[in-house]
C-alpha atoms as a PDB file:
ATOM      1  CA  MET A   1      -3.799 -50.071 -69.889  1.00  0.00           C
ATOM      2  CA  LYS A   2      -4.117 -53.121 -72.103  1.00  0.00           C
ATOM      3  CA  ILE A   3      -2.273 -56.348 -71.421  1.00  0.00           C
ATOM      4  CA  PHE A   4      -1.452 -58.925 -74.050  1.00  0.00           C
ATOM      5  CA  ALA A   5       0.533 -62.159 -74.214  1.00  0.00           C
ATOM      6  CA  THR A   6       2.361 -64.018 -76.915  1.00  0.00           C
ATOM      7  CA  LEU A   7       1.359 -67.595 -77.634  1.00  0.00           C
ATOM      8  CA  GLU A   8       4.710 -68.746 -76.224  1.00  0.00           C
ATOM      9  CA  PHE A   9       3.960 -66.994 -72.939  1.00  0.00           C
ATOM     10  CA  LYS A  10       0.500 -68.590 -72.744  1.00  0.00           C
ATOM     11  CA  ASP A  11       1.891 -72.058 -73.422  1.00  0.00           C
ATOM     12  CA  GLU A  12       4.664 -71.716 -70.827  1.00  0.00           C
ATOM     13  CA  PHE A  13       2.337 -70.173 -68.231  1.00  0.00           C
ATOM     14  CA  GLU A  14      -0.289 -72.893 -68.634  1.00  0.00           C
ATOM     15  CA  LYS A  15       2.365 -75.613 -68.382  1.00  0.00           C
ATOM     16  CA  LEU A  16       3.689 -74.102 -65.155  1.00  0.00           C
ATOM     17  CA  ILE A  17       0.410 -73.551 -63.321  1.00  0.00           C
ATOM     18  CA  LYS A  18      -0.490 -77.229 -63.731  1.00  0.00           C
ATOM     19  CA  ASN A  19       2.256 -77.825 -61.158  1.00  0.00           C
ATOM     20  CA  LYS A  20       1.191 -76.987 -57.598  1.00  0.00           C
ATOM     21  CA  SER A  21       4.553 -75.336 -56.920  1.00  0.00           C
ATOM     22  CA  TYR A  22       3.816 -72.583 -59.439  1.00  0.00           C
ATOM     23  CA  LYS A  23       0.162 -71.782 -58.662  1.00  0.00           C
ATOM     24  CA  TYR A  24       1.354 -68.453 -57.200  1.00  0.00           C
ATOM     25  CA  LEU A  25       2.035 -67.166 -60.730  1.00  0.00           C
ATOM     26  CA  SER A  26      -1.627 -66.337 -61.398  1.00  0.00           C
ATOM     27  CA  LYS A  27      -1.982 -64.344 -58.182  1.00  0.00           C
ATOM     28  CA  GLU A  28       1.310 -62.494 -58.748  1.00  0.00           C
ATOM     29  CA  ILE A  29       0.398 -61.478 -62.287  1.00  0.00           C
ATOM     30  CA  ILE A  30      -3.156 -60.468 -61.362  1.00  0.00           C
ATOM     31  CA  THR A  31      -1.969 -58.435 -58.369  1.00  0.00           C
ATOM     32  CA  ASN A  32       0.953 -56.722 -60.096  1.00  0.00           C
ATOM     33  CA  TYR A  33      -0.354 -56.174 -63.628  1.00  0.00           C
ATOM     34  CA  LEU A  34      -4.134 -56.278 -63.906  1.00  0.00           C
ATOM     35  CA  ASP A  35      -5.993 -53.123 -62.923  1.00  0.00           C
ATOM     36  CA  VAL A  36      -2.860 -51.244 -61.845  1.00  0.00           C
ATOM     37  CA  ALA A  37      -1.371 -48.004 -63.150  1.00  0.00           C
ATOM     38  CA  PHE A  38       0.807 -48.430 -66.227  1.00  0.00           C
ATOM     39  CA  SER A  39       3.740 -46.684 -64.559  1.00  0.00           C
ATOM     40  CA  THR A  40       3.871 -49.326 -61.813  1.00  0.00           C
ATOM     41  CA  THR A  41       4.381 -52.078 -64.400  1.00  0.00           C
ATOM     42  CA  LEU A  42       7.647 -50.585 -65.639  1.00  0.00           C
ATOM     43  CA  SER A  43       9.869 -51.651 -62.752  1.00  0.00           C
ATOM     44  CA  GLY A  44      12.446 -54.360 -63.303  1.00  0.00           C
ATOM     45  CA  THR A  45      15.637 -54.743 -65.304  1.00  0.00           C
ATOM     46  CA  LYS A  46      15.479 -53.039 -68.694  1.00  0.00           C
ATOM     47  CA  LEU A  47      17.116 -55.317 -71.274  1.00  0.00           C
ATOM     48  CA  ASN A  48      17.060 -53.135 -74.389  1.00  0.00           C
ATOM     49  CA  GLY A  49      18.949 -49.988 -73.417  1.00  0.00           C
ATOM     50  CA  ASP A  50      17.325 -46.637 -74.093  1.00  0.00           C
ATOM     51  CA  SER A  51      14.512 -47.945 -76.270  1.00  0.00           C
ATOM     52  CA  PRO A  52      11.260 -45.996 -75.859  1.00  0.00           C
ATOM     53  CA  ASN A  53       9.548 -49.390 -75.489  1.00  0.00           C
ATOM     54  CA  PRO A  54      11.363 -51.130 -72.634  1.00  0.00           C
ATOM     55  CA  PHE A  55      11.855 -54.882 -72.703  1.00  0.00           C
ATOM     56  CA  ILE A  56      11.798 -55.750 -69.007  1.00  0.00           C
ATOM     57  CA  LYS A  57      12.864 -58.708 -66.892  1.00  0.00           C
ATOM     58  CA  LYS A  58      10.901 -58.708 -63.647  1.00  0.00           C
ATOM     59  CA  ARG A  59      11.277 -60.899 -60.572  1.00  0.00           C
ATOM     60  CA  ILE A  60       7.901 -62.094 -59.287  1.00  0.00           C
ATOM     61  CA  GLY A  61       7.067 -64.312 -56.344  1.00  0.00           C
ATOM     62  CA  GLY A  62      10.077 -63.338 -54.237  1.00  0.00           C
ATOM     63  CA  SER A  63      13.695 -64.455 -54.344  1.00  0.00           C
ATOM     64  CA  GLY A  64      12.939 -68.086 -55.183  1.00  0.00           C
ATOM     65  CA  GLY A  65      10.041 -67.204 -57.470  1.00  0.00           C
ATOM     66  CA  SER A  66       9.980 -66.623 -61.191  1.00  0.00           C
ATOM     67  CA  ARG A  67      11.147 -64.264 -63.886  1.00  0.00           C
ATOM     68  CA  LEU A  68       8.649 -62.534 -66.130  1.00  0.00           C
ATOM     69  CA  TYR A  69       9.715 -60.960 -69.436  1.00  0.00           C
ATOM     70  CA  LEU A  70       7.545 -58.261 -70.952  1.00  0.00           C
ATOM     71  CA  LEU A  71       7.558 -55.508 -73.532  1.00  0.00           C
ATOM     72  CA  ALA A  72       6.007 -52.170 -72.554  1.00  0.00           C
ATOM     73  CA  VAL A  73       4.734 -50.062 -75.450  1.00  0.00           C
ATOM     74  CA  VAL A  74       4.725 -46.766 -73.608  1.00  0.00           C
ATOM     75  CA  ILE A  75       2.850 -44.551 -76.082  1.00  0.00           C
ATOM     76  CA  LYS A  76      -0.072 -47.039 -76.123  1.00  0.00           C
ATOM     77  CA  GLU A  77       0.187 -47.996 -72.444  1.00  0.00           C
ATOM     78  CA  ALA A  78       0.232 -51.654 -73.450  1.00  0.00           C
ATOM     79  CA  ILE A  79       2.103 -54.544 -71.860  1.00  0.00           C
ATOM     80  CA  TYR A  80       3.044 -57.688 -73.786  1.00  0.00           C
ATOM     81  CA  PHE A  81       4.008 -60.711 -71.699  1.00  0.00           C
ATOM     82  CA  THR A  82       6.619 -62.659 -73.658  1.00  0.00           C
ATOM     83  CA  PHE A  83       7.962 -65.364 -71.352  1.00  0.00           C
ATOM     84  CA  VAL A  84       7.931 -66.625 -67.788  1.00  0.00           C
ATOM     85  CA  HIS A  85      10.100 -69.181 -66.044  1.00  0.00           C
ATOM     86  CA  PRO A  86      10.549 -70.267 -62.429  1.00  0.00           C
ATOM     87  CA  LYS A  87      13.954 -69.901 -60.805  1.00  0.00           C
ATOM     88  CA  SER A  88      13.565 -72.997 -58.650  1.00  0.00           C
ATOM     89  CA  GLY A  89      11.614 -76.225 -58.429  1.00  0.00           C
ATOM     90  CA  ALA A  90      11.236 -79.084 -60.867  1.00  0.00           C
ATOM     91  CA  LEU A  91      10.751 -76.798 -63.889  1.00  0.00           C
ATOM     92  CA  GLY A  92      13.030 -73.996 -62.711  1.00  0.00           C
ATOM     93  CA  TYR A  93      16.291 -72.624 -64.034  1.00  0.00           C
ATOM     94  CA  GLU A  94      18.349 -69.550 -63.186  1.00  0.00           C
ATOM     95  CA  ASN A  95      18.417 -67.498 -66.391  1.00  0.00           C
ATOM     96  CA  ILE A  96      17.707 -67.541 -70.089  1.00  0.00           C
ATOM     97  CA  ASN A  97      20.621 -66.708 -72.374  1.00  0.00           C
ATOM     98  CA  ASP A  98      21.037 -63.527 -74.420  1.00  0.00           C
ATOM     99  CA  ASP A  99      20.093 -65.286 -77.658  1.00  0.00           C
ATOM    100  CA  LYS A 100      16.767 -66.331 -76.131  1.00  0.00           C
ATOM    101  CA  LYS A 101      16.118 -62.777 -74.882  1.00  0.00           C
ATOM    102  CA  THR A 102      16.859 -61.391 -78.354  1.00  0.00           C
ATOM    103  CA  GLN A 103      14.552 -63.961 -79.930  1.00  0.00           C
ATOM    104  CA  LEU A 104      11.760 -63.141 -77.455  1.00  0.00           C
ATOM    105  CA  LEU A 105      11.969 -59.457 -78.352  1.00  0.00           C
ATOM    106  CA  LYS A 106      11.906 -60.205 -82.099  1.00  0.00           C
ATOM    107  CA  ASP A 107       9.012 -62.614 -81.623  1.00  0.00           C
ATOM    108  CA  VAL A 108       6.879 -60.178 -79.637  1.00  0.00           C
ATOM    109  CA  TYR A 109       7.302 -57.444 -82.260  1.00  0.00           C
ATOM    110  CA  GLU A 110       6.400 -59.919 -84.987  1.00  0.00           C
ATOM    111  CA  SER A 111       3.376 -61.071 -82.976  1.00  0.00           C
ATOM    112  CA  ILE A 112       2.222 -57.473 -82.577  1.00  0.00           C
ATOM    113  CA  LYS A 113       2.616 -56.765 -86.297  1.00  0.00           C
ATOM    114  CA  THR A 114       0.683 -59.877 -87.295  1.00  0.00           C
ATOM    115  CA  GLY A 115      -1.955 -59.514 -84.568  1.00  0.00           C
ATOM    116  CA  ASN A 116      -0.945 -62.894 -83.190  1.00  0.00           C
ATOM    117  CA  VAL A 117      -1.349 -61.944 -79.525  1.00  0.00           C
ATOM    118  CA  LEU A 118      -3.886 -62.738 -76.836  1.00  0.00           C
ATOM    119  CA  GLU A 119      -5.535 -60.219 -74.548  1.00  0.00           C
ATOM    120  CA  VAL A 120      -4.983 -60.985 -70.864  1.00  0.00           C
ATOM    121  CA  SER A 121      -7.703 -60.561 -68.252  1.00  0.00           C
ATOM    122  CA  CYS A 122      -8.878 -62.379 -65.166  1.00  0.00           C
ATOM    123  CA  CYS A 123     -12.095 -63.951 -63.964  1.00  0.00           C
ATOM    124  CA  SER A 124     -14.427 -61.942 -61.732  1.00  0.00           C
ATOM    125  CA  GLU A 125     -13.057 -63.697 -58.620  1.00  0.00           C
ATOM    126  CA  ARG A 126      -9.536 -62.526 -59.607  1.00  0.00           C
ATOM    127  CA  LYS A 127      -8.129 -66.041 -59.267  1.00  0.00           C
ATOM    128  CA  THR A 128      -7.649 -67.191 -62.843  1.00  0.00           C
ATOM    129  CA  ILE A 129      -5.925 -65.574 -65.794  1.00  0.00           C
ATOM    130  CA  LEU A 130      -7.844 -65.639 -69.056  1.00  0.00           C
ATOM    131  CA  PHE A 131      -6.362 -65.433 -72.543  1.00  0.00           C
ATOM    132  CA  ASN A 132      -8.740 -64.026 -75.154  1.00  0.00           C
ATOM    133  CA  ILE A 133      -8.427 -63.303 -78.854  1.00  0.00           C
ATOM    134  CA  PRO A 134      -8.528 -59.484 -79.060  1.00  0.00           C
ATOM    135  CA  LYS A 135     -10.699 -57.506 -81.419  1.00  0.00           C
ATOM    136  CA  PRO A 136      -8.795 -56.775 -84.653  1.00  0.00           C
ATOM    137  CA  VAL A 137      -6.891 -53.473 -84.714  1.00  0.00           C
ATOM    138  CA  SER A 138      -4.452 -51.978 -87.160  1.00  0.00           C
ATOM    139  CA  VAL A 139      -0.691 -52.154 -86.578  1.00  0.00           C
ATOM    140  CA  GLU A 140      -0.617 -48.348 -86.304  1.00  0.00           C
ATOM    141  CA  GLU A 141      -2.933 -48.541 -83.296  1.00  0.00           C
ATOM    142  CA  ILE A 142      -0.596 -50.925 -81.452  1.00  0.00           C
ATOM    143  CA  VAL A 143       2.939 -49.870 -82.314  1.00  0.00           C
END
């Protein structure tokens, strides 16, 4: 399975982990998404109906934790992180509105088409998330 992130996700994630209250995000994402079976990444609330590529809202970090939004491209076994926000704390809020969810989905598809995504991995100690520019591939290979 390959994992990617939009630039918006990277920016939001990096802003959050500077705050001590949200340091858990790295561990949660590494534990639940890196080096796990693709099928285990598909749990959560599906936001786009019966689409073959589910757009998923996932609770991470427990009931007071955060919400992670991702697109799963099933045929390619690829995950695209699109947004993350805490539900509590100084930078937290309960939900994003439907317009924002729609925009996130449009943005991630556009990012995939233009190759404007970052590959997600972690350091060898499995403590830090790394964002890398992926090797160029054709749109047909991704979508």
